[in-house]
């Protein structure tokens, strides 16, 4: 049976690290930043631009307020975000069809629903997320805890809105996933052996 695992995660929860470590332990590829790089290369976009909008809804990617999710702004404003969203979906579908993999974020759980992936959601308490953000902050970044907290909330809102483009299931709600993982106060690498056993059991190995 093909093992496709999707990782949805709160910002700062360690979901990206968990996805990479889980994929390494299973001996299968993990797709995350690679999706951004492929979109940028294939469409001639700047990778930072793609990263900035790759987990936002189309509405949130526009530099203006739109009353309805699919209200129509000027074509030149629409074109690039829509191209990113379309390319991202195609790339994720292609990865899923290729075989075993872990895909981090970008509503892969819904996009690949016909392939019956194992869908994980990673979360943590506010203090743990702030601590992870502080440890991983780029050199020279000097955000206050309040600023960092606002940034975390905004990124998670963007991810939830992006998910709503594909599914009526609520992002982050336990009913939307097969397993929710609380990483509060935990080292990600110590959680992986148990997750490997869970994954193998889930896929009947």
C-alpha atoms as a PDB file:
ATOM      1  CA  UNK A   1       0.000   0.000   0.000  1.00  0.00           C
ATOM      2  CA  UNK A   2       1.290   3.450  -0.925  1.00  0.00           C
ATOM      3  CA  UNK A   3       2.214   5.504   2.136  1.00  0.00           C
ATOM      4  CA  UNK A   4       1.244   9.162   1.683  1.00  0.00           C
ATOM      5  CA  UNK A   5       1.466  11.234   4.853  1.00  0.00           C
ATOM      6  CA  UNK A   6       0.408  14.863   5.055  1.00  0.00           C
ATOM      7  CA  UNK A   7       1.499  17.235   7.799  1.00  0.00           C
ATOM      8  CA  UNK A   8      -0.684  20.204   8.682  1.00  0.00           C
ATOM      9  CA  UNK A   9       0.767  22.317  11.461  1.00  0.00           C
ATOM     10  CA  UNK A  10       0.526  25.430  13.564  1.00  0.00           C
ATOM     11  CA  UNK A  11       3.365  27.864  13.008  1.00  0.00           C
ATOM     12  CA  UNK A  12       6.139  27.187  15.526  1.00  0.00           C
ATOM     13  CA  UNK A  13       4.888  23.721  16.466  1.00  0.00           C
ATOM     14  CA  UNK A  14       7.780  21.897  14.795  1.00  0.00           C
ATOM     15  CA  UNK A  15       5.651  20.307  12.092  1.00  0.00           C
ATOM     16  CA  UNK A  16       8.225  20.885   9.363  1.00  0.00           C
ATOM     17  CA  UNK A  17      10.958  19.207  11.408  1.00  0.00           C
ATOM     18  CA  UNK A  18       8.633  16.363  12.336  1.00  0.00           C
ATOM     19  CA  UNK A  19       7.745  15.777   8.692  1.00  0.00           C
ATOM     20  CA  UNK A  20      11.397  15.668   7.635  1.00  0.00           C
ATOM     21  CA  UNK A  21      12.468  13.376  10.477  1.00  0.00           C
ATOM     22  CA  UNK A  22       9.507  11.054   9.933  1.00  0.00           C
ATOM     23  CA  UNK A  23      10.254  10.795   6.209  1.00  0.00           C
ATOM     24  CA  UNK A  24      13.933  10.072   6.916  1.00  0.00           C
ATOM     25  CA  UNK A  25      12.997   7.359   9.414  1.00  0.00           C
ATOM     26  CA  UNK A  26      10.629   5.748   6.893  1.00  0.00           C
ATOM     27  CA  UNK A  27      13.109   6.085   4.032  1.00  0.00           C
ATOM     28  CA  UNK A  28      10.707   8.080   1.842  1.00  0.00           C
ATOM     29  CA  UNK A  29      10.907  11.597   0.370  1.00  0.00           C
ATOM     30  CA  UNK A  30       9.617  14.681   2.165  1.00  0.00           C
ATOM     31  CA  UNK A  31       8.299  17.582   0.090  1.00  0.00           C
ATOM     32  CA  UNK A  32       8.147  21.066   1.577  1.00  0.00           C
ATOM     33  CA  UNK A  33      10.499  23.778   0.353  1.00  0.00           C
ATOM     34  CA  UNK A  34      10.928  21.716  -2.816  1.00  0.00           C
ATOM     35  CA  UNK A  35       7.366  22.642  -3.826  1.00  0.00           C
ATOM     36  CA  UNK A  36       8.184  26.345  -3.602  1.00  0.00           C
ATOM     37  CA  UNK A  37      11.364  25.914  -5.606  1.00  0.00           C
ATOM     38  CA  UNK A  38       9.569  24.013  -8.370  1.00  0.00           C
ATOM     39  CA  UNK A  39       6.802  26.606  -8.653  1.00  0.00           C
ATOM     40  CA  UNK A  40       9.339  29.420  -8.799  1.00  0.00           C
ATOM     41  CA  UNK A  41      11.466  27.693 -11.427  1.00  0.00           C
ATOM     42  CA  UNK A  42       8.606  26.589 -13.665  1.00  0.00           C
ATOM     43  CA  UNK A  43       6.831  29.966 -13.611  1.00  0.00           C
ATOM     44  CA  UNK A  44       9.731  32.392 -13.423  1.00  0.00           C
ATOM     45  CA  UNK A  45       8.704  33.691 -10.002  1.00  0.00           C
ATOM     46  CA  UNK A  46      10.927  34.730  -7.127  1.00  0.00           C
ATOM     47  CA  UNK A  47      11.044  31.923  -4.544  1.00  0.00           C
ATOM     48  CA  UNK A  48      10.418  34.364  -1.686  1.00  0.00           C
ATOM     49  CA  UNK A  49       7.271  35.582  -3.444  1.00  0.00           C
ATOM     50  CA  UNK A  50       6.019  32.017  -3.870  1.00  0.00           C
ATOM     51  CA  UNK A  51       6.801  31.183  -0.237  1.00  0.00           C
ATOM     52  CA  UNK A  52       4.901  34.273   0.886  1.00  0.00           C
ATOM     53  CA  UNK A  53       1.658  33.243  -0.795  1.00  0.00           C
ATOM     54  CA  UNK A  54       1.904  29.449  -1.032  1.00  0.00           C
ATOM     55  CA  UNK A  55      -0.214  28.901   2.088  1.00  0.00           C
ATOM     56  CA  UNK A  56      -2.605  31.824   1.743  1.00  0.00           C
ATOM     57  CA  UNK A  57      -6.024  31.848   0.158  1.00  0.00           C
ATOM     58  CA  UNK A  58      -6.228  33.619  -3.178  1.00  0.00           C
ATOM     59  CA  UNK A  59      -8.113  36.413  -1.432  1.00  0.00           C
ATOM     60  CA  UNK A  60      -5.407  36.832   1.204  1.00  0.00           C
ATOM     61  CA  UNK A  61      -2.742  37.045  -1.512  1.00  0.00           C
ATOM     62  CA  UNK A  62      -4.304  40.161  -3.022  1.00  0.00           C
ATOM     63  CA  UNK A  63      -3.121  43.606  -1.848  1.00  0.00           C
ATOM     64  CA  UNK A  64      -6.714  44.814  -1.442  1.00  0.00           C
ATOM     65  CA  UNK A  65      -9.865  43.866   0.425  1.00  0.00           C
ATOM     66  CA  UNK A  66     -12.294  41.596  -1.393  1.00  0.00           C
ATOM     67  CA  UNK A  67     -15.746  41.037   0.002  1.00  0.00           C
ATOM     68  CA  UNK A  68     -16.119  37.442  -1.159  1.00  0.00           C
ATOM     69  CA  UNK A  69     -13.535  34.697  -1.489  1.00  0.00           C
ATOM     70  CA  UNK A  70     -13.912  34.484  -5.264  1.00  0.00           C
ATOM     71  CA  UNK A  71     -14.900  38.064  -6.076  1.00  0.00           C
ATOM     72  CA  UNK A  72     -13.064  39.228  -9.165  1.00  0.00           C
ATOM     73  CA  UNK A  73     -10.352  41.884  -8.839  1.00  0.00           C
ATOM     74  CA  UNK A  74      -8.504  43.189 -11.912  1.00  0.00           C
ATOM     75  CA  UNK A  75      -6.957  40.433 -14.025  1.00  0.00           C
ATOM     76  CA  UNK A  76      -3.392  41.638 -13.571  1.00  0.00           C
ATOM     77  CA  UNK A  77      -3.800  41.393  -9.785  1.00  0.00           C
ATOM     78  CA  UNK A  78      -5.276  37.914  -9.987  1.00  0.00           C
ATOM     79  CA  UNK A  79      -2.915  36.271 -12.409  1.00  0.00           C
ATOM     80  CA  UNK A  80       0.185  35.506 -10.353  1.00  0.00           C
ATOM     81  CA  UNK A  81      -1.491  34.219  -7.152  1.00  0.00           C
ATOM     82  CA  UNK A  82      -3.777  31.984  -9.202  1.00  0.00           C
ATOM     83  CA  UNK A  83      -0.822  30.615 -11.165  1.00  0.00           C
ATOM     84  CA  UNK A  84       0.955  29.807  -7.894  1.00  0.00           C
ATOM     85  CA  UNK A  85      -2.111  28.037  -6.465  1.00  0.00           C
ATOM     86  CA  UNK A  86      -2.707  26.063  -9.670  1.00  0.00           C
ATOM     87  CA  UNK A  87       0.941  25.051 -10.010  1.00  0.00           C
ATOM     88  CA  UNK A  88       1.117  24.067  -6.355  1.00  0.00           C
ATOM     89  CA  UNK A  89      -1.904  21.811  -6.646  1.00  0.00           C
ATOM     90  CA  UNK A  90      -0.523  20.117  -9.759  1.00  0.00           C
ATOM     91  CA  UNK A  91       2.861  19.512  -8.150  1.00  0.00           C
ATOM     92  CA  UNK A  92       1.290  18.049  -5.009  1.00  0.00           C
ATOM     93  CA  UNK A  93      -0.930  15.755  -7.107  1.00  0.00           C
ATOM     94  CA  UNK A  94       2.105  14.593  -9.072  1.00  0.00           C
ATOM     95  CA  UNK A  95       4.083  13.847  -5.908  1.00  0.00           C
ATOM     96  CA  UNK A  96       1.170  11.835  -4.561  1.00  0.00           C
ATOM     97  CA  UNK A  97       0.899   9.771  -7.733  1.00  0.00           C
ATOM     98  CA  UNK A  98       4.630   9.008  -7.706  1.00  0.00           C
ATOM     99  CA  UNK A  99       4.386   6.936  -4.513  1.00  0.00           C
ATOM    100  CA  UNK A 100       5.354   6.999  -0.847  1.00  0.00           C
ATOM    101  CA  UNK A 101       6.011  10.484   0.518  1.00  0.00           C
ATOM    102  CA  UNK A 102       5.488  13.018   3.277  1.00  0.00           C
ATOM    103  CA  UNK A 103       4.081  16.395   2.216  1.00  0.00           C
ATOM    104  CA  UNK A 104       4.199  19.330   4.611  1.00  0.00           C
ATOM    105  CA  UNK A 105       1.392  21.892   4.552  1.00  0.00           C
ATOM    106  CA  UNK A 106      -0.320  23.459   1.526  1.00  0.00           C
ATOM    107  CA  UNK A 107      -3.626  21.614   2.021  1.00  0.00           C
ATOM    108  CA  UNK A 108      -2.124  18.378   0.729  1.00  0.00           C
ATOM    109  CA  UNK A 109      -4.511  16.432   2.973  1.00  0.00           C
ATOM    110  CA  UNK A 110      -7.484  17.656   0.944  1.00  0.00           C
ATOM    111  CA  UNK A 111      -5.797  17.838  -2.464  1.00  0.00           C
ATOM    112  CA  UNK A 112      -4.762  14.173  -2.181  1.00  0.00           C
ATOM    113  CA  UNK A 113      -7.913  12.896  -0.459  1.00  0.00           C
ATOM    114  CA  UNK A 114      -8.639  10.435  -3.298  1.00  0.00           C
ATOM    115  CA  UNK A 115      -5.300   8.727  -2.545  1.00  0.00           C
ATOM    116  CA  UNK A 116      -6.279   8.074   1.103  1.00  0.00           C
ATOM    117  CA  UNK A 117      -3.341   9.777   2.837  1.00  0.00           C
ATOM    118  CA  UNK A 118      -2.651   9.599   6.547  1.00  0.00           C
ATOM    119  CA  UNK A 119      -3.333  13.148   7.716  1.00  0.00           C
ATOM    120  CA  UNK A 120      -1.484  14.487  10.759  1.00  0.00           C
ATOM    121  CA  UNK A 121      -1.944  17.803  12.540  1.00  0.00           C
ATOM    122  CA  UNK A 122       0.882  19.173  14.700  1.00  0.00           C
ATOM    123  CA  UNK A 123       0.215  21.764  17.392  1.00  0.00           C
ATOM    124  CA  UNK A 124       1.701  23.125  20.602  1.00  0.00           C
ATOM    125  CA  UNK A 125       1.042  25.606  23.370  1.00  0.00           C
ATOM    126  CA  UNK A 126       1.929  29.265  22.876  1.00  0.00           C
ATOM    127  CA  UNK A 127       5.055  29.188  25.055  1.00  0.00           C
ATOM    128  CA  UNK A 128       6.553  26.225  23.195  1.00  0.00           C
ATOM    129  CA  UNK A 129       5.854  27.808  19.817  1.00  0.00           C
ATOM    130  CA  UNK A 130       7.401  31.108  20.853  1.00  0.00           C
ATOM    131  CA  UNK A 131      10.487  29.284  22.106  1.00  0.00           C
ATOM    132  CA  UNK A 132      10.896  27.398  18.821  1.00  0.00           C
ATOM    133  CA  UNK A 133      10.478  30.638  16.884  1.00  0.00           C
ATOM    134  CA  UNK A 134      13.141  32.355  19.000  1.00  0.00           C
ATOM    135  CA  UNK A 135      15.600  29.520  18.465  1.00  0.00           C
ATOM    136  CA  UNK A 136      15.039  29.468  14.707  1.00  0.00           C
ATOM    137  CA  UNK A 137      14.876  33.223  14.125  1.00  0.00           C
ATOM    138  CA  UNK A 138      17.259  34.521  11.433  1.00  0.00           C
ATOM    139  CA  UNK A 139      20.326  36.323  12.693  1.00  0.00           C
ATOM    140  CA  UNK A 140      19.545  39.967  13.294  1.00  0.00           C
ATOM    141  CA  UNK A 141      15.795  39.480  13.659  1.00  0.00           C
ATOM    142  CA  UNK A 142      14.659  41.304  16.777  1.00  0.00           C
ATOM    143  CA  UNK A 143      10.939  40.719  17.256  1.00  0.00           C
ATOM    144  CA  UNK A 144       9.321  41.209  20.630  1.00  0.00           C
ATOM    145  CA  UNK A 145       7.262  38.310  22.026  1.00  0.00           C
ATOM    146  CA  UNK A 146       4.082  40.263  21.230  1.00  0.00           C
ATOM    147  CA  UNK A 147       5.183  40.826  17.637  1.00  0.00           C
ATOM    148  CA  UNK A 148       6.098  37.183  17.265  1.00  0.00           C
ATOM    149  CA  UNK A 149       2.766  36.099  18.692  1.00  0.00           C
ATOM    150  CA  UNK A 150       0.907  38.334  16.225  1.00  0.00           C
ATOM    151  CA  UNK A 151       2.943  36.880  13.371  1.00  0.00           C
ATOM    152  CA  UNK A 152       2.135  33.302  14.470  1.00  0.00           C
ATOM    153  CA  UNK A 153      -1.582  34.083  14.630  1.00  0.00           C
ATOM    154  CA  UNK A 154      -1.555  35.697  11.191  1.00  0.00           C
ATOM    155  CA  UNK A 155       0.283  32.792   9.551  1.00  0.00           C
ATOM    156  CA  UNK A 156      -2.129  30.297  11.081  1.00  0.00           C
ATOM    157  CA  UNK A 157      -5.100  32.393   9.869  1.00  0.00           C
ATOM    158  CA  UNK A 158      -3.603  32.357   6.375  1.00  0.00           C
ATOM    159  CA  UNK A 159      -3.190  28.587   6.517  1.00  0.00           C
ATOM    160  CA  UNK A 160      -6.773  28.134   7.657  1.00  0.00           C
ATOM    161  CA  UNK A 161      -8.070  30.344   4.825  1.00  0.00           C
ATOM    162  CA  UNK A 162      -5.939  28.464   2.300  1.00  0.00           C
ATOM    163  CA  UNK A 163      -7.405  25.185   3.530  1.00  0.00           C
ATOM    164  CA  UNK A 164     -10.931  26.582   3.119  1.00  0.00           C
ATOM    165  CA  UNK A 165     -10.314  26.998  -0.624  1.00  0.00           C
ATOM    166  CA  UNK A 166     -10.200  23.204  -0.927  1.00  0.00           C
ATOM    167  CA  UNK A 167     -12.361  21.807   1.848  1.00  0.00           C
ATOM    168  CA  UNK A 168     -15.302  22.461   4.148  1.00  0.00           C
ATOM    169  CA  UNK A 169     -13.395  20.650   6.913  1.00  0.00           C
ATOM    170  CA  UNK A 170     -12.043  23.106   9.440  1.00  0.00           C
ATOM    171  CA  UNK A 171      -8.260  23.497   9.564  1.00  0.00           C
ATOM    172  CA  UNK A 172      -6.970  22.401  12.963  1.00  0.00           C
ATOM    173  CA  UNK A 173     -10.170  20.630  14.062  1.00  0.00           C
ATOM    174  CA  UNK A 174      -9.460  17.127  15.322  1.00  0.00           C
ATOM    175  CA  UNK A 175     -12.250  15.687  13.163  1.00  0.00           C
ATOM    176  CA  UNK A 176     -10.312  16.732  10.056  1.00  0.00           C
ATOM    177  CA  UNK A 177      -7.269  14.534  10.796  1.00  0.00           C
ATOM    178  CA  UNK A 178      -6.332  10.972  11.623  1.00  0.00           C
ATOM    179  CA  UNK A 179      -3.857  11.935  14.342  1.00  0.00           C
ATOM    180  CA  UNK A 180      -3.189  15.197  16.203  1.00  0.00           C
ATOM    181  CA  UNK A 181       0.250  15.560  17.798  1.00  0.00           C
ATOM    182  CA  UNK A 182       0.974  17.935  20.670  1.00  0.00           C
ATOM    183  CA  UNK A 183       4.674  18.862  20.645  1.00  0.00           C
ATOM    184  CA  UNK A 184       4.545  21.182  23.670  1.00  0.00           C
ATOM    185  CA  UNK A 185       7.829  20.971  25.580  1.00  0.00           C
ATOM    186  CA  UNK A 186       9.005  17.976  23.531  1.00  0.00           C
ATOM    187  CA  UNK A 187      12.036  17.259  21.364  1.00  0.00           C
ATOM    188  CA  UNK A 188      10.685  16.376  17.940  1.00  0.00           C
ATOM    189  CA  UNK A 189      13.249  13.631  17.342  1.00  0.00           C
ATOM    190  CA  UNK A 190      12.042  11.747  20.430  1.00  0.00           C
ATOM    191  CA  UNK A 191       8.494  11.582  19.061  1.00  0.00           C
ATOM    192  CA  UNK A 192       9.478  10.049  15.736  1.00  0.00           C
ATOM    193  CA  UNK A 193       9.952   6.353  16.729  1.00  0.00           C
ATOM    194  CA  UNK A 194       6.415   6.183  18.079  1.00  0.00           C
ATOM    195  CA  UNK A 195       5.074   7.882  14.971  1.00  0.00           C
ATOM    196  CA  UNK A 196       6.921   5.441  12.722  1.00  0.00           C
ATOM    197  CA  UNK A 197       5.206   2.562  14.520  1.00  0.00           C
ATOM    198  CA  UNK A 198       1.847   4.313  14.180  1.00  0.00           C
ATOM    199  CA  UNK A 199       2.369   4.910  10.454  1.00  0.00           C
ATOM    200  CA  UNK A 200       3.336   1.299   9.808  1.00  0.00           C
ATOM    201  CA  UNK A 201       0.319   0.081  11.749  1.00  0.00           C
ATOM    202  CA  UNK A 202      -1.981   2.488   9.916  1.00  0.00           C
ATOM    203  CA  UNK A 203      -0.837   1.234   6.528  1.00  0.00           C
ATOM    204  CA  UNK A 204      -1.010  -2.394   7.634  1.00  0.00           C
ATOM    205  CA  UNK A 205       2.679  -3.221   7.679  1.00  0.00           C
END
